[in-house]
Amino acid sequence: MIVSKTAGIKYTKDVAGYKHYVRIDLDMYGENQLLEDFPDLLDIEARKGGETISLNEFNEYIDKRIESNV
């Protein structure tokens, strides 16, 4: 295990030297909003370059869903 230059954050490497995990001391940094948002940021990054629709198309889709559920 390699200790980073930032206290409370450690990187775990495999035998080949590749970083696989980050350990963050939550007592030191707390469970702040950045850590809570991290999975959302990963999802956003994974969707980059994906299919998009315009706001008008989205609004039409929502209107149709609402009409069909009333």
PDB file of N, CA and C in Angstrom:
ATOM      1  N   MET A   1       0.853  -1.173   0.000  1.00  0.00           N
ATOM      2  CA  MET A   1       0.000   0.000   0.000  1.00  0.00           C
ATOM      3  C   MET A   1       0.894   1.230   0.000  1.00  0.00           C
ATOM      4  N   ILE A   2       0.533   2.207  -0.834  1.00  0.00           N
ATOM      5  CA  ILE A   2       1.284   3.447  -0.944  1.00  0.00           C
ATOM      6  C   ILE A   2       0.476   4.567  -0.281  1.00  0.00           C
ATOM      7  N   VAL A   3       1.121   5.367   0.528  1.00  0.00           N
ATOM      8  CA  VAL A   3       0.448   6.496   1.168  1.00  0.00           C
ATOM      9  C   VAL A   3       0.621   7.715   0.280  1.00  0.00           C
ATOM     10  N   SER A   4      -0.490   8.399  -0.006  1.00  0.00           N
ATOM     11  CA  SER A   4      -0.417   9.592  -0.843  1.00  0.00           C
ATOM     12  C   SER A   4       0.158  10.752  -0.045  1.00  0.00           C
ATOM     13  N   LYS A   5       0.394  11.858  -0.712  1.00  0.00           N
ATOM     14  CA  LYS A   5       0.915  13.049  -0.054  1.00  0.00           C
ATOM     15  C   LYS A   5      -0.172  13.759   0.750  1.00  0.00           C
ATOM     16  N   THR A   6      -1.431  13.414   0.516  1.00  0.00           N
ATOM     17  CA  THR A   6      -2.533  14.016   1.248  1.00  0.00           C
ATOM     18  C   THR A   6      -2.901  13.106   2.408  1.00  0.00           C
ATOM     19  N   ALA A   7      -2.858  13.660   3.609  1.00  0.00           N
ATOM     20  CA  ALA A   7      -3.173  12.866   4.800  1.00  0.00           C
ATOM     21  C   ALA A   7      -4.603  12.337   4.715  1.00  0.00           C
ATOM     22  N   GLY A   8      -4.772  11.088   5.118  1.00  0.00           N
ATOM     23  CA  GLY A   8      -6.100  10.486   5.140  1.00  0.00           C
ATOM     24  C   GLY A   8      -6.543   9.873   3.838  1.00  0.00           C
ATOM     25  N   ILE A   9      -5.690   9.908   2.808  1.00  0.00           N
ATOM     26  CA  ILE A   9      -6.023   9.310   1.516  1.00  0.00           C
ATOM     27  C   ILE A   9      -4.907   8.349   1.141  1.00  0.00           C
ATOM     28  N   LYS A  10      -5.285   7.092   0.895  1.00  0.00           N
ATOM     29  CA  LYS A  10      -4.298   6.065   0.540  1.00  0.00           C
ATOM     30  C   LYS A  10      -4.735   5.354  -0.734  1.00  0.00           C
ATOM     31  N   TYR A  11      -3.760   5.038  -1.568  1.00  0.00           N
ATOM     32  CA  TYR A  11      -4.004   4.281  -2.792  1.00  0.00           C
ATOM     33  C   TYR A  11      -3.487   2.864  -2.589  1.00  0.00           C
ATOM     34  N   THR A  12      -4.264   1.897  -3.040  1.00  0.00           N
ATOM     35  CA  THR A  12      -3.834   0.510  -2.983  1.00  0.00           C
ATOM     36  C   THR A  12      -3.461   0.077  -4.391  1.00  0.00           C
ATOM     37  N   LYS A  13      -2.264  -0.488  -4.530  1.00  0.00           N
ATOM     38  CA  LYS A  13      -1.784  -0.937  -5.835  1.00  0.00           C
ATOM     39  C   LYS A  13      -1.666  -2.452  -5.863  1.00  0.00           C
ATOM     40  N   ASP A  14      -1.772  -3.021  -7.071  1.00  0.00           N
ATOM     41  CA  ASP A  14      -1.571  -4.459  -7.220  1.00  0.00           C
ATOM     42  C   ASP A  14      -0.079  -4.751  -7.376  1.00  0.00           C
ATOM     43  N   VAL A  15       0.261  -6.014  -7.576  1.00  0.00           N
ATOM     44  CA  VAL A  15       1.678  -6.393  -7.670  1.00  0.00           C
ATOM     45  C   VAL A  15       2.372  -5.775  -8.882  1.00  0.00           C
ATOM     46  N   ALA A  16       1.595  -5.419  -9.915  1.00  0.00           N
ATOM     47  CA  ALA A  16       2.173  -4.786 -11.098  1.00  0.00           C
ATOM     48  C   ALA A  16       2.328  -3.276 -10.915  1.00  0.00           C
ATOM     49  N   GLY A  17       1.825  -2.749  -9.801  1.00  0.00           N
ATOM     50  CA  GLY A  17       1.974  -1.326  -9.525  1.00  0.00           C
ATOM     51  C   GLY A  17       0.824  -0.456  -9.981  1.00  0.00           C
ATOM     52  N   TYR A  18      -0.272  -1.070 -10.442  1.00  0.00           N
ATOM     53  CA  TYR A  18      -1.427  -0.297 -10.886  1.00  0.00           C
ATOM     54  C   TYR A  18      -2.331   0.036  -9.705  1.00  0.00           C
ATOM     55  N   LYS A  19      -2.776   1.289  -9.651  1.00  0.00           N
ATOM     56  CA  LYS A  19      -3.693   1.707  -8.591  1.00  0.00           C
ATOM     57  C   LYS A  19      -5.070   1.101  -8.851  1.00  0.00           C
ATOM     58  N   HIS A  20      -5.657   0.516  -7.805  1.00  0.00           N
ATOM     59  CA  HIS A  20      -6.977  -0.096  -7.933  1.00  0.00           C
ATOM     60  C   HIS A  20      -8.017   0.504  -7.002  1.00  0.00           C
ATOM     61  N   TYR A  21      -7.603   0.988  -5.862  1.00  0.00           N
ATOM     62  CA  TYR A  21      -8.553   1.485  -4.873  1.00  0.00           C
ATOM     63  C   TYR A  21      -8.026   2.761  -4.231  1.00  0.00           C
ATOM     64  N   VAL A  22      -8.960   3.572  -3.768  1.00  0.00           N
ATOM     65  CA  VAL A  22      -8.633   4.752  -2.981  1.00  0.00           C
ATOM     66  C   VAL A  22      -9.355   4.602  -1.657  1.00  0.00           C
ATOM     67  N   ARG A  23      -8.634   4.765  -0.576  1.00  0.00           N
ATOM     68  CA  ARG A  23      -9.226   4.722   0.760  1.00  0.00           C
ATOM     69  C   ARG A  23      -9.192   6.128   1.327  1.00  0.00           C
ATOM     70  N   ILE A  24     -10.359   6.616   1.761  1.00  0.00           N
ATOM     71  CA  ILE A  24     -10.475   7.966   2.294  1.00  0.00           C
ATOM     72  C   ILE A  24     -10.922   7.872   3.745  1.00  0.00           C
ATOM     73  N   ASP A  25     -10.189   8.507   4.612  1.00  0.00           N
ATOM     74  CA  ASP A  25     -10.516   8.523   6.034  1.00  0.00           C
ATOM     75  C   ASP A  25     -11.713   9.452   6.248  1.00  0.00           C
ATOM     76  N   LEU A  26     -12.892   8.865   6.470  1.00  0.00           N
ATOM     77  CA  LEU A  26     -14.100   9.665   6.626  1.00  0.00           C
ATOM     78  C   LEU A  26     -14.127  10.411   7.951  1.00  0.00           C
ATOM     79  N   ASP A  27     -13.385   9.933   8.952  1.00  0.00           N
ATOM     80  CA  ASP A  27     -13.285  10.690  10.204  1.00  0.00           C
ATOM     81  C   ASP A  27     -12.563  12.007   9.950  1.00  0.00           C
ATOM     82  N   MET A  28     -11.593  11.984   9.038  1.00  0.00           N
ATOM     83  CA  MET A  28     -10.816  13.178   8.745  1.00  0.00           C
ATOM     84  C   MET A  28     -11.558  14.118   7.795  1.00  0.00           C
ATOM     85  N   TYR A  29     -12.192  13.552   6.776  1.00  0.00           N
ATOM     86  CA  TYR A  29     -12.829  14.367   5.745  1.00  0.00           C
ATOM     87  C   TYR A  29     -14.337  14.429   5.854  1.00  0.00           C
ATOM     88  N   GLY A  30     -14.924  13.527   6.627  1.00  0.00           N
ATOM     89  CA  GLY A  30     -16.375  13.499   6.758  1.00  0.00           C
ATOM     90  C   GLY A  30     -17.032  12.976   5.492  1.00  0.00           C
ATOM     91  N   GLU A  31     -18.300  12.713   5.591  1.00  0.00           N
ATOM     92  CA  GLU A  31     -19.068  12.239   4.429  1.00  0.00           C
ATOM     93  C   GLU A  31     -19.668  13.454   3.745  1.00  0.00           C
ATOM     94  N   ASN A  32     -18.806  14.216   3.086  1.00  0.00           N
ATOM     95  CA  ASN A  32     -19.263  15.462   2.479  1.00  0.00           C
ATOM     96  C   ASN A  32     -19.984  15.222   1.159  1.00  0.00           C
ATOM     97  N   GLN A  33     -20.532  16.293   0.607  1.00  0.00           N
ATOM     98  CA  GLN A  33     -21.334  16.218  -0.610  1.00  0.00           C
ATOM     99  C   GLN A  33     -20.534  15.676  -1.790  1.00  0.00           C
ATOM    100  N   LEU A  34     -19.250  16.003  -1.878  1.00  0.00           N
ATOM    101  CA  LEU A  34     -18.437  15.520  -2.994  1.00  0.00           C
ATOM    102  C   LEU A  34     -18.397  13.997  -3.019  1.00  0.00           C
ATOM    103  N   LEU A  35     -18.232  13.380  -1.858  1.00  0.00           N
ATOM    104  CA  LEU A  35     -18.194  11.917  -1.805  1.00  0.00           C
ATOM    105  C   LEU A  35     -19.552  11.327  -2.144  1.00  0.00           C
ATOM    106  N   GLU A  36     -20.628  11.998  -1.734  1.00  0.00           N
ATOM    107  CA  GLU A  36     -21.970  11.508  -2.057  1.00  0.00           C
ATOM    108  C   GLU A  36     -22.258  11.636  -3.549  1.00  0.00           C
ATOM    109  N   ASP A  37     -21.693  12.661  -4.192  1.00  0.00           N
ATOM    110  CA  ASP A  37     -21.934  12.897  -5.614  1.00  0.00           C
ATOM    111  C   ASP A  37     -21.037  12.064  -6.523  1.00  0.00           C
ATOM    112  N   PHE A  38     -20.010  11.446  -5.984  1.00  0.00           N
ATOM    113  CA  PHE A  38     -19.042  10.721  -6.800  1.00  0.00           C
ATOM    114  C   PHE A  38     -19.685   9.662  -7.708  1.00  0.00           C
ATOM    115  N   PRO A  39     -20.589   8.793  -7.207  1.00  0.00           N
ATOM    116  CA  PRO A  39     -21.220   7.819  -8.121  1.00  0.00           C
ATOM    117  C   PRO A  39     -21.995   8.492  -9.253  1.00  0.00           C
ATOM    118  N   ASP A  40     -22.637   9.640  -8.966  1.00  0.00           N
ATOM    119  CA  ASP A  40     -23.347  10.367 -10.013  1.00  0.00           C
ATOM    120  C   ASP A  40     -22.382  10.896 -11.063  1.00  0.00           C
ATOM    121  N   LEU A  41     -21.234  11.377 -10.629  1.00  0.00           N
ATOM    122  CA  LEU A  41     -20.231  11.871 -11.571  1.00  0.00           C
ATOM    123  C   LEU A  41     -19.717  10.755 -12.475  1.00  0.00           C
ATOM    124  N   LEU A  42     -19.556   9.565 -11.911  1.00  0.00           N
ATOM    125  CA  LEU A  42     -19.132   8.421 -12.724  1.00  0.00           C
ATOM    126  C   LEU A  42     -20.184   8.078 -13.777  1.00  0.00           C
ATOM    127  N   ASP A  43     -21.453   8.145 -13.398  1.00  0.00           N
ATOM    128  CA  ASP A  43     -22.538   7.863 -14.334  1.00  0.00           C
ATOM    129  C   ASP A  43     -22.561   8.901 -15.456  1.00  0.00           C
ATOM    130  N   ILE A  44     -22.381  10.156 -15.101  1.00  0.00           N
ATOM    131  CA  ILE A  44     -22.350  11.223 -16.103  1.00  0.00           C
ATOM    132  C   ILE A  44     -21.200  10.993 -17.082  1.00  0.00           C
ATOM    133  N   GLU A  45     -20.039  10.656 -16.554  1.00  0.00           N
ATOM    134  CA  GLU A  45     -18.876  10.410 -17.411  1.00  0.00           C
ATOM    135  C   GLU A  45     -19.121   9.237 -18.351  1.00  0.00           C
ATOM    136  N   ALA A  46     -19.774   8.190 -17.859  1.00  0.00           N
ATOM    137  CA  ALA A  46     -20.043   7.003 -18.674  1.00  0.00           C
ATOM    138  C   ALA A  46     -21.026   7.303 -19.799  1.00  0.00           C
ATOM    139  N   ARG A  47     -21.884   8.295 -19.600  1.00  0.00           N
ATOM    140  CA  ARG A  47     -22.900   8.625 -20.607  1.00  0.00           C
ATOM    141  C   ARG A  47     -22.425   9.655 -21.627  1.00  0.00           C
ATOM    142  N   LYS A  48     -21.218  10.185 -21.467  1.00  0.00           N
ATOM    143  CA  LYS A  48     -20.713  11.176 -22.418  1.00  0.00           C
ATOM    144  C   LYS A  48     -20.697  10.577 -23.820  1.00  0.00           C
ATOM    145  N   GLY A  49     -21.128  11.388 -24.769  1.00  0.00           N
ATOM    146  CA  GLY A  49     -21.138  10.937 -26.156  1.00  0.00           C
ATOM    147  C   GLY A  49     -22.349  10.087 -26.493  1.00  0.00           C
ATOM    148  N   GLY A  50     -23.220   9.871 -25.524  1.00  0.00           N
ATOM    149  CA  GLY A  50     -24.414   9.062 -25.749  1.00  0.00           C
ATOM    150  C   GLY A  50     -25.489   9.847 -26.486  1.00  0.00           C
ATOM    151  N   GLU A  51     -26.583   9.178 -26.748  1.00  0.00           N
ATOM    152  CA  GLU A  51     -27.693   9.790 -27.464  1.00  0.00           C
ATOM    153  C   GLU A  51     -28.320  10.893 -26.622  1.00  0.00           C
ATOM    154  N   THR A  52     -28.659  11.995 -27.274  1.00  0.00           N
ATOM    155  CA  THR A  52     -29.313  13.101 -26.586  1.00  0.00           C
ATOM    156  C   THR A  52     -30.592  13.463 -27.318  1.00  0.00           C
ATOM    157  N   ILE A  53     -31.475  14.159 -26.608  1.00  0.00           N
ATOM    158  CA  ILE A  53     -32.686  14.677 -27.235  1.00  0.00           C
ATOM    159  C   ILE A  53     -32.815  16.149 -26.863  1.00  0.00           C
ATOM    160  N   SER A  54     -33.587  16.882 -27.656  1.00  0.00           N
ATOM    161  CA  SER A  54     -33.789  18.304 -27.384  1.00  0.00           C
ATOM    162  C   SER A  54     -34.769  18.468 -26.225  1.00  0.00           C
ATOM    163  N   LEU A  55     -34.795  19.659 -25.669  1.00  0.00           N
ATOM    164  CA  LEU A  55     -35.729  19.954 -24.593  1.00  0.00           C
ATOM    165  C   LEU A  55     -37.165  19.802 -25.073  1.00  0.00           C
ATOM    166  N   ASN A  56     -37.438  20.235 -26.301  1.00  0.00           N
ATOM    167  CA  ASN A  56     -38.793  20.095 -26.853  1.00  0.00           C
ATOM    168  C   ASN A  56     -39.195  18.628 -26.962  1.00  0.00           C
ATOM    169  N   GLU A  57     -38.271  17.774 -27.425  1.00  0.00           N
ATOM    170  CA  GLU A  57     -38.567  16.339 -27.520  1.00  0.00           C
ATOM    171  C   GLU A  57     -38.827  15.745 -26.143  1.00  0.00           C
ATOM    172  N   PHE A  58     -38.056  16.161 -25.166  1.00  0.00           N
ATOM    173  CA  PHE A  58     -38.253  15.683 -23.799  1.00  0.00           C
ATOM    174  C   PHE A  58     -39.609  16.122 -23.262  1.00  0.00           C
ATOM    175  N   ASN A  59     -39.957  17.392 -23.475  1.00  0.00           N
ATOM    176  CA  ASN A  59     -41.242  17.898 -22.996  1.00  0.00           C
ATOM    177  C   ASN A  59     -42.405  17.159 -23.653  1.00  0.00           C
ATOM    178  N   GLU A  60     -42.315  16.881 -24.945  1.00  0.00           N
ATOM    179  CA  GLU A  60     -43.357  16.121 -25.637  1.00  0.00           C
ATOM    180  C   GLU A  60     -43.475  14.717 -25.054  1.00  0.00           C
ATOM    181  N   TYR A  61     -42.366  14.087 -24.787  1.00  0.00           N
ATOM    182  CA  TYR A  61     -42.351  12.745 -24.195  1.00  0.00           C
ATOM    183  C   TYR A  61     -43.042  12.759 -22.829  1.00  0.00           C
ATOM    184  N   ILE A  62     -42.699  13.738 -21.995  1.00  0.00           N
ATOM    185  CA  ILE A  62     -43.306  13.836 -20.662  1.00  0.00           C
ATOM    186  C   ILE A  62     -44.800  14.099 -20.776  1.00  0.00           C
ATOM    187  N   ASP A  63     -45.201  14.994 -21.666  1.00  0.00           N
ATOM    188  CA  ASP A  63     -46.625  15.288 -21.851  1.00  0.00           C
ATOM    189  C   ASP A  63     -47.402  14.033 -22.241  1.00  0.00           C
ATOM    190  N   LYS A  64     -46.845  13.233 -23.137  1.00  0.00           N
ATOM    191  CA  LYS A  64     -47.510  11.988 -23.563  1.00  0.00           C
ATOM    192  C   LYS A  64     -47.611  11.003 -22.403  1.00  0.00           C
ATOM    193  N   ARG A  65     -46.567  10.911 -21.587  1.00  0.00           N
ATOM    194  CA  ARG A  65     -46.605   9.997 -20.437  1.00  0.00           C
ATOM    195  C   ARG A  65     -47.661  10.438 -19.432  1.00  0.00           C
ATOM    196  N   ILE A  66     -47.728  11.731 -19.198  1.00  0.00           N
ATOM    197  CA  ILE A  66     -48.723  12.247 -18.248  1.00  0.00           C
ATOM    198  C   ILE A  66     -50.131  11.988 -18.772  1.00  0.00           C
ATOM    199  N   GLU A  67     -50.364  12.249 -20.058  1.00  0.00           N
ATOM    200  CA  GLU A  67     -51.686  12.021 -20.647  1.00  0.00           C
ATOM    201  C   GLU A  67     -52.090  10.551 -20.567  1.00  0.00           C
ATOM    202  N   SER A  68     -51.148   9.653 -20.769  1.00  0.00           N
ATOM    203  CA  SER A  68     -51.477   8.227 -20.772  1.00  0.00           C
ATOM    204  C   SER A  68     -51.711   7.700 -19.359  1.00  0.00           C
ATOM    205  N   ASN A  69     -51.236   8.412 -18.344  1.00  0.00           N
ATOM    206  CA  ASN A  69     -51.413   7.968 -16.962  1.00  0.00           C
ATOM    207  C   ASN A  69     -52.562   8.653 -16.245  1.00  0.00           C
ATOM    208  N   VAL A  70     -53.276   9.533 -16.935  1.00  0.00           N
ATOM    209  CA  VAL A  70     -54.386  10.242 -16.277  1.00  0.00           C
ATOM    210  C   VAL A  70     -55.661   9.502 -16.473  1.00  0.00           C
TER     211      VAL A  70
END
